[in-house]
Amino acid sequence: MKSLNTLGEEICEINTANGWNVLLPNQWEDTYKVPAVLALIHSEASEALEAFRKDDFKNFSEELADVLIRVLDCASGLGIDMDAEVAKKLEKNRARSYRHGGKRV
């Protein structure tokens, strides 16, 4: 199985070959570019929600893949090591208490 970082690099290559702009590390300061990419991630998550509302599991699955593709595209473009970040976050979550913070959902 490919690492998240390898998938991110592949996604950036595909997106570039298909004519899409890919984030670059120096664009972190861009007050338009990063928020625009986050809005695209959000739109894919919203499409997954709509597929769920329509009880369309096939489309729901595809939209979740789109969410991951957009996240990895963003992370790879900005030079974020998602393999390391996910591993760190999982360790942090393992140490949390049951429903930490008393949240219902």
PDB file of N, CA and C in Angstrom:
ATOM      1  N   MET A   1       0.839  -1.186   0.000  1.00  0.00           N
ATOM      2  CA  MET A   1       0.000   0.000   0.000  1.00  0.00           C
ATOM      3  C   MET A   1       0.883   1.248   0.000  1.00  0.00           C
ATOM      4  N   LYS A   2       0.472   2.244  -0.761  1.00  0.00           N
ATOM      5  CA  LYS A   2       1.231   3.485  -0.850  1.00  0.00           C
ATOM      6  C   LYS A   2       1.027   4.317   0.413  1.00  0.00           C
ATOM      7  N   SER A   3       2.051   5.066   0.781  1.00  0.00           N
ATOM      8  CA  SER A   3       1.925   5.974   1.915  1.00  0.00           C
ATOM      9  C   SER A   3       1.052   7.160   1.520  1.00  0.00           C
ATOM     10  N   LEU A   4       0.562   7.875   2.515  1.00  0.00           N
ATOM     11  CA  LEU A   4      -0.231   9.074   2.253  1.00  0.00           C
ATOM     12  C   LEU A   4       0.595  10.101   1.480  1.00  0.00           C
ATOM     13  N   ASN A   5       1.878  10.211   1.845  1.00  0.00           N
ATOM     14  CA  ASN A   5       2.743  11.171   1.160  1.00  0.00           C
ATOM     15  C   ASN A   5       2.921  10.803  -0.311  1.00  0.00           C
ATOM     16  N   THR A   6       3.093   9.520  -0.589  1.00  0.00           N
ATOM     17  CA  THR A   6       3.249   9.074  -1.971  1.00  0.00           C
ATOM     18  C   THR A   6       1.969   9.322  -2.758  1.00  0.00           C
ATOM     19  N   LEU A   7       0.817   9.023  -2.146  1.00  0.00           N
ATOM     20  CA  LEU A   7      -0.464   9.312  -2.799  1.00  0.00           C
ATOM     21  C   LEU A   7      -0.613  10.805  -3.073  1.00  0.00           C
ATOM     22  N   GLY A   8      -0.216  11.624  -2.116  1.00  0.00           N
ATOM     23  CA  GLY A   8      -0.296  13.076  -2.291  1.00  0.00           C
ATOM     24  C   GLY A   8       0.544  13.551  -3.465  1.00  0.00           C
ATOM     25  N   GLU A   9       1.749  13.009  -3.581  1.00  0.00           N
ATOM     26  CA  GLU A   9       2.615  13.376  -4.708  1.00  0.00           C
ATOM     27  C   GLU A   9       1.982  12.960  -6.032  1.00  0.00           C
ATOM     28  N   GLU A  10       1.414  11.749  -6.064  1.00  0.00           N
ATOM     29  CA  GLU A  10       0.760  11.257  -7.270  1.00  0.00           C
ATOM     30  C   GLU A  10      -0.446  12.124  -7.635  1.00  0.00           C
ATOM     31  N   ILE A  11      -1.224  12.512  -6.641  1.00  0.00           N
ATOM     32  CA  ILE A  11      -2.390  13.368  -6.863  1.00  0.00           C
ATOM     33  C   ILE A  11      -1.956  14.709  -7.440  1.00  0.00           C
ATOM     34  N   CYS A  12      -0.890  15.284  -6.889  1.00  0.00           N
ATOM     35  CA  CYS A  12      -0.392  16.566  -7.410  1.00  0.00           C
ATOM     36  C   CYS A  12       0.066  16.426  -8.858  1.00  0.00           C
ATOM     37  N   GLU A  13       0.725  15.325  -9.179  1.00  0.00           N
ATOM     38  CA  GLU A  13       1.165  15.080 -10.560  1.00  0.00           C
ATOM     39  C   GLU A  13      -0.032  14.978 -11.504  1.00  0.00           C
ATOM     40  N   ILE A  14      -1.039  14.219 -11.109  1.00  0.00           N
ATOM     41  CA  ILE A  14      -2.239  14.062 -11.935  1.00  0.00           C
ATOM     42  C   ILE A  14      -2.947  15.399 -12.117  1.00  0.00           C
ATOM     43  N   ASN A  15      -3.110  16.138 -11.029  1.00  0.00           N
ATOM     44  CA  ASN A  15      -3.810  17.420 -11.106  1.00  0.00           C
ATOM     45  C   ASN A  15      -3.056  18.415 -11.978  1.00  0.00           C
ATOM     46  N   THR A  16      -1.739  18.432 -11.863  1.00  0.00           N
ATOM     47  CA  THR A  16      -0.927  19.319 -12.702  1.00  0.00           C
ATOM     48  C   THR A  16      -1.063  18.923 -14.172  1.00  0.00           C
ATOM     49  N   ALA A  17      -0.983  17.624 -14.453  1.00  0.00           N
ATOM     50  CA  ALA A  17      -1.114  17.143 -15.834  1.00  0.00           C
ATOM     51  C   ALA A  17      -2.491  17.461 -16.408  1.00  0.00           C
ATOM     52  N   ASN A  18      -3.504  17.546 -15.545  1.00  0.00           N
ATOM     53  CA  ASN A  18      -4.868  17.842 -15.996  1.00  0.00           C
ATOM     54  C   ASN A  18      -5.176  19.339 -16.008  1.00  0.00           C
ATOM     55  N   GLY A  19      -4.149  20.158 -15.783  1.00  0.00           N
ATOM     56  CA  GLY A  19      -4.315  21.603 -15.900  1.00  0.00           C
ATOM     57  C   GLY A  19      -4.770  22.327 -14.659  1.00  0.00           C
ATOM     58  N   TRP A  20      -4.785  21.649 -13.512  1.00  0.00           N
ATOM     59  CA  TRP A  20      -5.204  22.293 -12.265  1.00  0.00           C
ATOM     60  C   TRP A  20      -4.006  22.886 -11.549  1.00  0.00           C
ATOM     61  N   ASN A  21      -4.226  24.007 -10.882  1.00  0.00           N
ATOM     62  CA  ASN A  21      -3.175  24.611 -10.076  1.00  0.00           C
ATOM     63  C   ASN A  21      -3.026  23.825  -8.790  1.00  0.00           C
ATOM     64  N   VAL A  22      -1.800  23.548  -8.421  1.00  0.00           N
ATOM     65  CA  VAL A  22      -1.502  22.810  -7.203  1.00  0.00           C
ATOM     66  C   VAL A  22      -0.835  23.774  -6.231  1.00  0.00           C
ATOM     67  N   LEU A  23      -1.209  23.674  -4.965  1.00  0.00           N
ATOM     68  CA  LEU A  23      -0.582  24.526  -3.948  1.00  0.00           C
ATOM     69  C   LEU A  23       0.927  24.303  -3.913  1.00  0.00           C
ATOM     70  N   LEU A  24       1.641  25.354  -3.584  1.00  0.00           N
ATOM     71  CA  LEU A  24       3.088  25.296  -3.392  1.00  0.00           C
ATOM     72  C   LEU A  24       3.396  25.758  -1.977  1.00  0.00           C
ATOM     73  N   PRO A  25       4.500  25.280  -1.389  1.00  0.00           N
ATOM     74  CA  PRO A  25       4.808  25.655  -0.004  1.00  0.00           C
ATOM     75  C   PRO A  25       4.798  27.161   0.254  1.00  0.00           C
ATOM     76  N   ASN A  26       5.244  27.962  -0.707  1.00  0.00           N
ATOM     77  CA  ASN A  26       5.276  29.413  -0.483  1.00  0.00           C
ATOM     78  C   ASN A  26       3.892  30.056  -0.526  1.00  0.00           C
ATOM     79  N   GLN A  27       2.856  29.289  -0.854  1.00  0.00           N
ATOM     80  CA  GLN A  27       1.500  29.840  -0.913  1.00  0.00           C
ATOM     81  C   GLN A  27       0.770  29.774   0.421  1.00  0.00           C
ATOM     82  N   TRP A  28       1.431  29.284   1.458  1.00  0.00           N
ATOM     83  CA  TRP A  28       0.831  29.256   2.788  1.00  0.00           C
ATOM     84  C   TRP A  28       0.372  30.652   3.209  1.00  0.00           C
ATOM     85  N   GLU A  29       1.114  31.662   2.810  1.00  0.00           N
ATOM     86  CA  GLU A  29       0.794  33.047   3.182  1.00  0.00           C
ATOM     87  C   GLU A  29      -0.328  33.636   2.329  1.00  0.00           C
ATOM     88  N   ASP A  30      -0.705  32.974   1.244  1.00  0.00           N
ATOM     89  CA  ASP A  30      -1.725  33.483   0.325  1.00  0.00           C
ATOM     90  C   ASP A  30      -3.098  33.413   1.005  1.00  0.00           C
ATOM     91  N   THR A  31      -3.686  34.573   1.234  1.00  0.00           N
ATOM     92  CA  THR A  31      -4.959  34.623   1.960  1.00  0.00           C
ATOM     93  C   THR A  31      -6.148  34.239   1.087  1.00  0.00           C
ATOM     94  N   TYR A  32      -5.893  33.904  -0.176  1.00  0.00           N
ATOM     95  CA  TYR A  32      -6.947  33.421  -1.054  1.00  0.00           C
ATOM     96  C   TYR A  32      -6.789  31.940  -1.367  1.00  0.00           C
ATOM     97  N   LYS A  33      -5.591  31.525  -1.721  1.00  0.00           N
ATOM     98  CA  LYS A  33      -5.361  30.184  -2.256  1.00  0.00           C
ATOM     99  C   LYS A  33      -5.683  29.082  -1.237  1.00  0.00           C
ATOM    100  N   VAL A  34      -5.130  29.147  -0.058  1.00  0.00           N
ATOM    101  CA  VAL A  34      -5.371  28.088   0.936  1.00  0.00           C
ATOM    102  C   VAL A  34      -6.848  28.043   1.339  1.00  0.00           C
ATOM    103  N   PRO A  35      -7.490  29.175   1.630  1.00  0.00           N
ATOM    104  CA  PRO A  35      -8.924  29.112   1.931  1.00  0.00           C
ATOM    105  C   PRO A  35      -9.754  28.559   0.771  1.00  0.00           C
ATOM    106  N   ALA A  36      -9.357  28.847  -0.470  1.00  0.00           N
ATOM    107  CA  ALA A  36     -10.092  28.311  -1.622  1.00  0.00           C
ATOM    108  C   ALA A  36      -9.979  26.794  -1.669  1.00  0.00           C
ATOM    109  N   VAL A  37      -8.798  26.264  -1.381  1.00  0.00           N
ATOM    110  CA  VAL A  37      -8.612  24.811  -1.369  1.00  0.00           C
ATOM    111  C   VAL A  37      -9.426  24.195  -0.234  1.00  0.00           C
ATOM    112  N   LEU A  38      -9.439  24.836   0.924  1.00  0.00           N
ATOM    113  CA  LEU A  38     -10.247  24.333   2.043  1.00  0.00           C
ATOM    114  C   LEU A  38     -11.730  24.343   1.688  1.00  0.00           C
ATOM    115  N   ALA A  39     -12.172  25.357   0.952  1.00  0.00           N
ATOM    116  CA  ALA A  39     -13.575  25.401   0.518  1.00  0.00           C
ATOM    117  C   ALA A  39     -13.886  24.233  -0.416  1.00  0.00           C
ATOM    118  N   LEU A  40     -12.928  23.853  -1.261  1.00  0.00           N
ATOM    119  CA  LEU A  40     -13.132  22.706  -2.144  1.00  0.00           C
ATOM    120  C   LEU A  40     -13.211  21.404  -1.342  1.00  0.00           C
ATOM    121  N   ILE A  41     -12.400  21.286  -0.298  1.00  0.00           N
ATOM    122  CA  ILE A  41     -12.476  20.111   0.577  1.00  0.00           C
ATOM    123  C   ILE A  41     -13.866  20.061   1.214  1.00  0.00           C
ATOM    124  N   HIS A  42     -14.320  21.208   1.700  1.00  0.00           N
ATOM    125  CA  HIS A  42     -15.637  21.299   2.322  1.00  0.00           C
ATOM    126  C   HIS A  42     -16.734  20.931   1.329  1.00  0.00           C
ATOM    127  N   SER A  43     -16.598  21.361   0.084  1.00  0.00           N
ATOM    128  CA  SER A  43     -17.635  21.057  -0.911  1.00  0.00           C
ATOM    129  C   SER A  43     -17.716  19.558  -1.177  1.00  0.00           C
ATOM    130  N   GLU A  44     -16.580  18.877  -1.169  1.00  0.00           N
ATOM    131  CA  GLU A  44     -16.598  17.417  -1.355  1.00  0.00           C
ATOM    132  C   GLU A  44     -17.278  16.737  -0.166  1.00  0.00           C
ATOM    133  N   ALA A  45     -17.011  17.232   1.050  1.00  0.00           N
ATOM    134  CA  ALA A  45     -17.668  16.672   2.237  1.00  0.00           C
ATOM    135  C   ALA A  45     -19.175  16.916   2.173  1.00  0.00           C
ATOM    136  N   SER A  46     -19.570  18.079   1.677  1.00  0.00           N
ATOM    137  CA  SER A  46     -20.997  18.377   1.522  1.00  0.00           C
ATOM    138  C   SER A  46     -21.643  17.461   0.492  1.00  0.00           C
ATOM    139  N   GLU A  47     -20.916  17.163  -0.581  1.00  0.00           N
ATOM    140  CA  GLU A  47     -21.438  16.231  -1.583  1.00  0.00           C
ATOM    141  C   GLU A  47     -21.602  14.835  -0.984  1.00  0.00           C
ATOM    142  N   ALA A  48     -20.686  14.438  -0.099  1.00  0.00           N
ATOM    143  CA  ALA A  48     -20.824  13.147   0.581  1.00  0.00           C
ATOM    144  C   ALA A  48     -22.073  13.149   1.465  1.00  0.00           C
ATOM    145  N   LEU A  49     -22.320  14.253   2.143  1.00  0.00           N
ATOM    146  CA  LEU A  49     -23.517  14.365   2.973  1.00  0.00           C
ATOM    147  C   LEU A  49     -24.780  14.238   2.126  1.00  0.00           C
ATOM    148  N   GLU A  50     -24.803  14.885   0.986  1.00  0.00           N
ATOM    149  CA  GLU A  50     -25.964  14.790   0.105  1.00  0.00           C
ATOM    150  C   GLU A  50     -26.168  13.367  -0.399  1.00  0.00           C
ATOM    151  N   ALA A  51     -25.076  12.674  -0.714  1.00  0.00           N
ATOM    152  CA  ALA A  51     -25.184  11.278  -1.147  1.00  0.00           C
ATOM    153  C   ALA A  51     -25.756  10.423  -0.025  1.00  0.00           C
ATOM    154  N   PHE A  52     -25.330  10.689   1.207  1.00  0.00           N
ATOM    155  CA  PHE A  52     -25.867   9.961   2.356  1.00  0.00           C
ATOM    156  C   PHE A  52     -27.361  10.239   2.505  1.00  0.00           C
ATOM    157  N   ARG A  53     -27.740  11.498   2.362  1.00  0.00           N
ATOM    158  CA  ARG A  53     -29.156  11.872   2.489  1.00  0.00           C
ATOM    159  C   ARG A  53     -30.014  11.181   1.440  1.00  0.00           C
ATOM    160  N   LYS A  54     -29.423  10.908   0.279  1.00  0.00           N
ATOM    161  CA  LYS A  54     -30.136  10.233  -0.808  1.00  0.00           C
ATOM    162  C   LYS A  54     -29.971   8.714  -0.748  1.00  0.00           C
ATOM    163  N   ASP A  55     -29.310   8.240   0.306  1.00  0.00           N
ATOM    164  CA  ASP A  55     -29.059   6.805   0.491  1.00  0.00           C
ATOM    165  C   ASP A  55     -28.305   6.204  -0.708  1.00  0.00           C
ATOM    166  N   ASP A  56     -27.338   6.971  -1.218  1.00  0.00           N
ATOM    167  CA  ASP A  56     -26.550   6.563  -2.380  1.00  0.00           C
ATOM    168  C   ASP A  56     -25.139   6.205  -1.916  1.00  0.00           C
ATOM    169  N   PHE A  57     -24.980   4.962  -1.478  1.00  0.00           N
ATOM    170  CA  PHE A  57     -23.711   4.526  -0.901  1.00  0.00           C
ATOM    171  C   PHE A  57     -22.571   4.601  -1.914  1.00  0.00           C
ATOM    172  N   LYS A  58     -22.844   4.260  -3.156  1.00  0.00           N
ATOM    173  CA  LYS A  58     -21.805   4.292  -4.187  1.00  0.00           C
ATOM    174  C   LYS A  58     -21.260   5.708  -4.349  1.00  0.00           C
ATOM    175  N   ASN A  59     -22.141   6.693  -4.473  1.00  0.00           N
ATOM    176  CA  ASN A  59     -21.704   8.078  -4.616  1.00  0.00           C
ATOM    177  C   ASN A  59     -21.067   8.586  -3.331  1.00  0.00           C
ATOM    178  N   PHE A  60     -21.606   8.169  -2.183  1.00  0.00           N
ATOM    179  CA  PHE A  60     -21.034   8.543  -0.889  1.00  0.00           C
ATOM    180  C   PHE A  60     -19.570   8.109  -0.822  1.00  0.00           C
ATOM    181  N   SER A  61     -19.302   6.872  -1.230  1.00  0.00           N
ATOM    182  CA  SER A  61     -17.936   6.348  -1.213  1.00  0.00           C
ATOM    183  C   SER A  61     -17.022   7.156  -2.119  1.00  0.00           C
ATOM    184  N   GLU A  62     -17.534   7.488  -3.298  1.00  0.00           N
ATOM    185  CA  GLU A  62     -16.741   8.276  -4.248  1.00  0.00           C
ATOM    186  C   GLU A  62     -16.442   9.668  -3.698  1.00  0.00           C
ATOM    187  N   GLU A  63     -17.416  10.285  -3.064  1.00  0.00           N
ATOM    188  CA  GLU A  63     -17.207  11.629  -2.510  1.00  0.00           C
ATOM    189  C   GLU A  63     -16.209  11.603  -1.351  1.00  0.00           C
ATOM    190  N   LEU A  64     -16.226  10.545  -0.539  1.00  0.00           N
ATOM    191  CA  LEU A  64     -15.213  10.429   0.515  1.00  0.00           C
ATOM    192  C   LEU A  64     -13.819  10.337  -0.093  1.00  0.00           C
ATOM    193  N   ALA A  65     -13.706   9.603  -1.201  1.00  0.00           N
ATOM    194  CA  ALA A  65     -12.423   9.531  -1.908  1.00  0.00           C
ATOM    195  C   ALA A  65     -12.017  10.930  -2.381  1.00  0.00           C
ATOM    196  N   ASP A  66     -12.985  11.699  -2.881  1.00  0.00           N
ATOM    197  CA  ASP A  66     -12.690  13.068  -3.315  1.00  0.00           C
ATOM    198  C   ASP A  66     -12.198  13.931  -2.160  1.00  0.00           C
ATOM    199  N   VAL A  67     -12.791  13.765  -0.979  1.00  0.00           N
ATOM    200  CA  VAL A  67     -12.339  14.514   0.206  1.00  0.00           C
ATOM    201  C   VAL A  67     -10.871  14.190   0.473  1.00  0.00           C
ATOM    202  N   LEU A  68     -10.551  12.903   0.494  1.00  0.00           N
ATOM    203  CA  LEU A  68      -9.176  12.498   0.772  1.00  0.00           C
ATOM    204  C   LEU A  68      -8.221  13.000  -0.304  1.00  0.00           C
ATOM    205  N   ILE A  69      -8.626  12.914  -1.557  1.00  0.00           N
ATOM    206  CA  ILE A  69      -7.786  13.398  -2.655  1.00  0.00           C
ATOM    207  C   ILE A  69      -7.502  14.890  -2.490  1.00  0.00           C
ATOM    208  N   ARG A  70      -8.516  15.659  -2.181  1.00  0.00           N
ATOM    209  CA  ARG A  70      -8.305  17.108  -2.010  1.00  0.00           C
ATOM    210  C   ARG A  70      -7.434  17.411  -0.791  1.00  0.00           C
ATOM    211  N   VAL A  71      -7.618  16.676   0.300  1.00  0.00           N
ATOM    212  CA  VAL A  71      -6.786  16.886   1.492  1.00  0.00           C
ATOM    213  C   VAL A  71      -5.326  16.557   1.186  1.00  0.00           C
ATOM    214  N   LEU A  72      -5.095  15.426   0.534  1.00  0.00           N
ATOM    215  CA  LEU A  72      -3.717  15.031   0.220  1.00  0.00           C
ATOM    216  C   LEU A  72      -3.082  15.961  -0.804  1.00  0.00           C
ATOM    217  N   ASP A  73      -3.872  16.470  -1.735  1.00  0.00           N
ATOM    218  CA  ASP A  73      -3.371  17.452  -2.694  1.00  0.00           C
ATOM    219  C   ASP A  73      -2.895  18.700  -1.956  1.00  0.00           C
ATOM    220  N   CYS A  74      -3.696  19.176  -1.023  1.00  0.00           N
ATOM    221  CA  CYS A  74      -3.359  20.354  -0.230  1.00  0.00           C
ATOM    222  C   CYS A  74      -2.095  20.105   0.597  1.00  0.00           C
ATOM    223  N   ALA A  75      -2.084  19.005   1.313  1.00  0.00           N
ATOM    224  CA  ALA A  75      -0.956  18.697   2.194  1.00  0.00           C
ATOM    225  C   ALA A  75       0.337  18.520   1.406  1.00  0.00           C
ATOM    226  N   SER A  76       0.267  17.777   0.320  1.00  0.00           N
ATOM    227  CA  SER A  76       1.464  17.544  -0.478  1.00  0.00           C
ATOM    228  C   SER A  76       1.985  18.840  -1.074  1.00  0.00           C
ATOM    229  N   GLY A  77       1.079  19.654  -1.584  1.00  0.00           N
ATOM    230  CA  GLY A  77       1.483  20.925  -2.171  1.00  0.00           C
ATOM    231  C   GLY A  77       2.167  21.843  -1.181  1.00  0.00           C
ATOM    232  N   LEU A  78       1.716  21.796   0.065  1.00  0.00           N
ATOM    233  CA  LEU A  78       2.310  22.643   1.106  1.00  0.00           C
ATOM    234  C   LEU A  78       3.502  21.988   1.790  1.00  0.00           C
ATOM    235  N   GLY A  79       3.823  20.755   1.395  1.00  0.00           N
ATOM    236  CA  GLY A  79       4.982  20.067   1.975  1.00  0.00           C
ATOM    237  C   GLY A  79       4.722  19.496   3.360  1.00  0.00           C
ATOM    238  N   ILE A  80       3.477  19.157   3.649  1.00  0.00           N
ATOM    239  CA  ILE A  80       3.128  18.585   4.951  1.00  0.00           C
ATOM    240  C   ILE A  80       3.310  17.078   4.892  1.00  0.00           C
ATOM    241  N   ASP A  81       3.994  16.521   5.868  1.00  0.00           N
ATOM    242  CA  ASP A  81       4.223  15.078   5.959  1.00  0.00           C
ATOM    243  C   ASP A  81       3.005  14.444   6.622  1.00  0.00           C
ATOM    244  N   MET A  82       2.043  14.027   5.794  1.00  0.00           N
ATOM    245  CA  MET A  82       0.797  13.486   6.330  1.00  0.00           C
ATOM    246  C   MET A  82       0.987  12.142   7.018  1.00  0.00           C
ATOM    247  N   ASP A  83       1.954  11.359   6.584  1.00  0.00           N
ATOM    248  CA  ASP A  83       2.219  10.098   7.290  1.00  0.00           C
ATOM    249  C   ASP A  83       2.561  10.389   8.745  1.00  0.00           C
ATOM    250  N   ALA A  84       3.435  11.344   8.961  1.00  0.00           N
ATOM    251  CA  ALA A  84       3.849  11.702  10.325  1.00  0.00           C
ATOM    252  C   ALA A  84       2.715  12.387  11.085  1.00  0.00           C
ATOM    253  N   GLU A  85       2.000  13.278  10.429  1.00  0.00           N
ATOM    254  CA  GLU A  85       0.933  14.013  11.108  1.00  0.00           C
ATOM    255  C   GLU A  85      -0.209  13.094  11.542  1.00  0.00           C
ATOM    256  N   VAL A  86      -0.595  12.161  10.670  1.00  0.00           N
ATOM    257  CA  VAL A  86      -1.670  11.227  11.033  1.00  0.00           C
ATOM    258  C   VAL A  86      -1.209  10.324  12.171  1.00  0.00           C
ATOM    259  N   ALA A  87       0.026   9.847  12.111  1.00  0.00           N
ATOM    260  CA  ALA A  87       0.551   8.994  13.186  1.00  0.00           C
ATOM    261  C   ALA A  87       0.553   9.743  14.518  1.00  0.00           C
ATOM    262  N   LYS A  88       1.000  11.017  14.518  1.00  0.00           N
ATOM    263  CA  LYS A  88       1.004  11.820  15.748  1.00  0.00           C
ATOM    264  C   LYS A  88      -0.406  12.034  16.273  1.00  0.00           C
ATOM    265  N   LYS A  89      -1.343  12.305  15.372  1.00  0.00           N
ATOM    266  CA  LYS A  89      -2.715  12.574  15.792  1.00  0.00           C
ATOM    267  C   LYS A  89      -3.377  11.322  16.352  1.00  0.00           C
ATOM    268  N   LEU A  90      -3.092  10.157  15.760  1.00  0.00           N
ATOM    269  CA  LEU A  90      -3.641   8.912  16.294  1.00  0.00           C
ATOM    270  C   LEU A  90      -3.120   8.643  17.704  1.00  0.00           C
ATOM    271  N   GLU A  91      -1.844   8.899  17.925  1.00  0.00           N
ATOM    272  CA  GLU A  91      -1.282   8.731  19.276  1.00  0.00           C
ATOM    273  C   GLU A  91      -1.954   9.675  20.258  1.00  0.00           C
ATOM    274  N   LYS A  92      -2.175  10.908  19.859  1.00  0.00           N
ATOM    275  CA  LYS A  92      -2.856  11.887  20.714  1.00  0.00           C
ATOM    276  C   LYS A  92      -4.276  11.410  21.026  1.00  0.00           C
ATOM    277  N   ASN A  93      -4.990  10.923  20.000  1.00  0.00           N
ATOM    278  CA  ASN A  93      -6.364  10.462  20.206  1.00  0.00           C
ATOM    279  C   ASN A  93      -6.428   9.236  21.106  1.00  0.00           C
ATOM    280  N   ARG A  94      -5.437   8.351  21.002  1.00  0.00           N
ATOM    281  CA  ARG A  94      -5.409   7.165  21.875  1.00  0.00           C
ATOM    282  C   ARG A  94      -5.352   7.542  23.351  1.00  0.00           C
ATOM    283  N   ALA A  95      -4.734   8.647  23.657  1.00  0.00           N
ATOM    284  CA  ALA A  95      -4.547   9.071  25.042  1.00  0.00           C
ATOM    285  C   ALA A  95      -5.748   9.850  25.588  1.00  0.00           C
ATOM    286  N   ARG A  96      -6.702  10.156  24.757  1.00  0.00           N
ATOM    287  CA  ARG A  96      -7.858  10.929  25.206  1.00  0.00           C
ATOM    288  C   ARG A  96      -8.837  10.040  25.964  1.00  0.00           C
ATOM    289  N   SER A  97      -9.585  10.690  26.839  1.00  0.00           N
ATOM    290  CA  SER A  97     -10.576   9.964  27.620  1.00  0.00           C
ATOM    291  C   SER A  97     -11.820   9.684  26.767  1.00  0.00           C
ATOM    292  N   TYR A  98     -12.667   8.834  27.276  1.00  0.00           N
ATOM    293  CA  TYR A  98     -13.913   8.497  26.597  1.00  0.00           C
ATOM    294  C   TYR A  98     -14.719   9.768  26.354  1.00  0.00           C
ATOM    295  N   ARG A  99     -15.069  10.021  25.121  1.00  0.00           N
ATOM    296  CA  ARG A  99     -15.829  11.222  24.733  1.00  0.00           C
ATOM    297  C   ARG A  99     -15.268  12.460  25.421  1.00  0.00           C
ATOM    298  N   HIS A 100     -13.957  12.645  25.284  1.00  0.00           N
ATOM    299  CA  HIS A 100     -13.254  13.745  25.954  1.00  0.00           C
ATOM    300  C   HIS A 100     -14.023  15.056  25.827  1.00  0.00           C
ATOM    301  N   GLY A 101     -14.051  15.787  26.920  1.00  0.00           N
ATOM    302  CA  GLY A 101     -14.764  17.052  26.947  1.00  0.00           C
ATOM    303  C   GLY A 101     -16.253  16.929  27.194  1.00  0.00           C
ATOM    304  N   GLY A 102     -16.742  15.709  27.374  1.00  0.00           N
ATOM    305  CA  GLY A 102     -18.150  15.503  27.655  1.00  0.00           C
ATOM    306  C   GLY A 102     -19.080  15.792  26.475  1.00  0.00           C
ATOM    307  N   LYS A 103     -18.533  15.742  25.277  1.00  0.00           N
ATOM    308  CA  LYS A 103     -19.332  16.039  24.091  1.00  0.00           C
ATOM    309  C   LYS A 103     -20.302  14.907  23.792  1.00  0.00           C
ATOM    310  N   ARG A 104     -21.486  15.235  23.311  1.00  0.00           N
ATOM    311  CA  ARG A 104     -22.495  14.230  22.971  1.00  0.00           C
ATOM    312  C   ARG A 104     -22.210  13.591  21.621  1.00  0.00           C
ATOM    313  N   VAL A 105     -21.682  14.381  20.699  1.00  0.00           N
ATOM    314  CA  VAL A 105     -21.448  13.892  19.334  1.00  0.00           C
ATOM    315  C   VAL A 105     -20.033  14.227  18.917  1.00  0.00           C
TER     316      VAL A 105
END
